[in-house]
Amino acid sequence: MTESQASIASEESIEERVNRAIDKVRPLIARDGGEVWLIRVDGSTAYVQMLGACGGCPASNVTLKSAIEAVVTADVPEVTEVLQV
């Protein structure tokens, strides 16, 4: 983590940082008719709800793990897992 990232991290809540990370993949998900919302962060786990086309899609777990979780855990090291509610 760079010095500027550490400064931003100290000023924002973990939820704000997770939402900012999710914003990076949101356009990709929206392109397929889906949406993702952060529900809560509990310890080192972020819980999200996938809506729209993602809500019932069989590939939503792949999107969750390969896109959402990958970005969130890279940008917010305190979060080690993202689960769907």
Protein backbone atom coordinates (compact mmCIF):
# COMPACT_ATOMS: atom_id res chain seq x y z
CA MET A 1 0.00 0.00 0.00
CA THR A 2 1.41 3.37 -0.96
CA GLU A 3 1.55 6.30 1.42
CA SER A 4 -1.36 8.03 -0.36
CA GLN A 5 -3.45 4.84 -0.27
CA ALA A 6 -2.74 4.51 3.46
CA SER A 7 -3.84 8.12 3.97
CA ILE A 8 -7.11 7.53 2.08
CA ALA A 9 -7.68 4.27 3.95
CA SER A 10 -7.36 6.00 7.32
CA GLU A 11 -9.94 8.64 6.34
CA GLU A 12 -12.59 6.31 4.90
CA SER A 13 -14.60 3.62 6.61
CA ILE A 14 -14.07 0.05 5.47
CA GLU A 15 -17.56 0.09 3.93
CA GLU A 16 -16.70 3.18 1.87
CA ARG A 17 -13.51 1.53 0.66
CA VAL A 18 -15.34 -1.69 -0.27
CA ASN A 19 -17.98 0.31 -2.15
CA ARG A 20 -15.23 2.17 -4.01
CA ALA A 21 -13.68 -1.17 -5.00
CA ILE A 22 -17.07 -2.51 -6.13
CA ASP A 23 -17.51 0.63 -8.24
CA LYS A 24 -14.56 -0.56 -10.33
CA VAL A 25 -16.41 -3.72 -11.47
CA ARG A 26 -19.93 -2.28 -11.43
CA PRO A 27 -19.82 -1.19 -15.13
CA LEU A 28 -18.81 -4.70 -16.17
CA ILE A 29 -21.70 -6.19 -14.21
CA ALA A 30 -24.16 -3.56 -15.47
CA ARG A 31 -23.18 -4.32 -19.05
CA ASP A 32 -24.74 -7.76 -18.56
CA GLY A 33 -27.86 -6.34 -16.89
CA GLY A 34 -26.76 -6.88 -13.30
CA GLU A 35 -26.05 -4.84 -10.21
CA VAL A 36 -24.22 -5.47 -6.95
CA TRP A 37 -24.83 -3.83 -3.58
CA LEU A 38 -22.74 -4.02 -0.44
CA ILE A 39 -24.99 -5.20 2.38
CA ARG A 40 -22.50 -5.21 5.25
CA VAL A 41 -18.96 -5.92 6.33
CA ASP A 42 -18.60 -8.28 9.28
CA GLY A 43 -15.03 -8.84 10.42
CA SER A 44 -13.00 -9.74 7.35
CA THR A 45 -16.04 -10.73 5.24
CA ALA A 46 -18.00 -8.43 2.96
CA TYR A 47 -21.57 -9.48 2.13
CA VAL A 48 -23.06 -8.37 -1.17
CA GLN A 49 -26.38 -8.79 -2.92
CA MET A 50 -26.36 -9.41 -6.65
CA LEU A 51 -29.42 -8.08 -8.44
CA GLY A 52 -30.92 -7.88 -11.90
CA ALA A 53 -29.61 -10.43 -14.36
CA CYS A 54 -26.97 -11.48 -11.80
CA GLY A 55 -29.59 -12.39 -9.21
CA GLY A 56 -30.53 -15.72 -10.73
CA CYS A 57 -27.63 -16.31 -13.08
CA PRO A 58 -25.79 -19.61 -12.69
CA ALA A 59 -22.51 -17.82 -13.42
CA SER A 60 -22.99 -15.27 -10.63
CA ASN A 61 -20.61 -17.16 -8.32
CA VAL A 62 -17.87 -16.88 -10.96
CA THR A 63 -18.51 -13.13 -11.20
CA LEU A 64 -18.55 -12.89 -7.42
CA LYS A 65 -15.21 -14.64 -6.93
CA SER A 66 -13.25 -13.71 -10.07
CA ALA A 67 -14.29 -10.08 -10.34
CA ILE A 68 -15.86 -8.69 -7.19
CA GLU A 69 -13.86 -10.57 -4.56
CA ALA A 70 -10.61 -10.16 -6.48
CA VAL A 71 -10.95 -6.37 -6.65
CA VAL A 72 -12.28 -5.92 -3.12
CA THR A 73 -9.57 -8.05 -1.46
CA ALA A 74 -6.86 -6.31 -3.50
CA ASP A 75 -8.10 -2.80 -2.65
CA VAL A 76 -9.21 -3.49 0.94
CA PRO A 77 -6.71 -5.92 2.51
CA GLU A 78 -8.77 -6.14 5.70
CA VAL A 79 -11.42 -7.99 3.69
CA THR A 80 -10.41 -11.55 2.84
CA GLU A 81 -13.70 -12.88 1.50
CA VAL A 82 -16.83 -11.66 -0.30
CA LEU A 83 -20.02 -13.68 0.07
CA GLN A 84 -23.41 -13.33 -1.56
CA VAL A 85 -26.51 -13.01 0.63
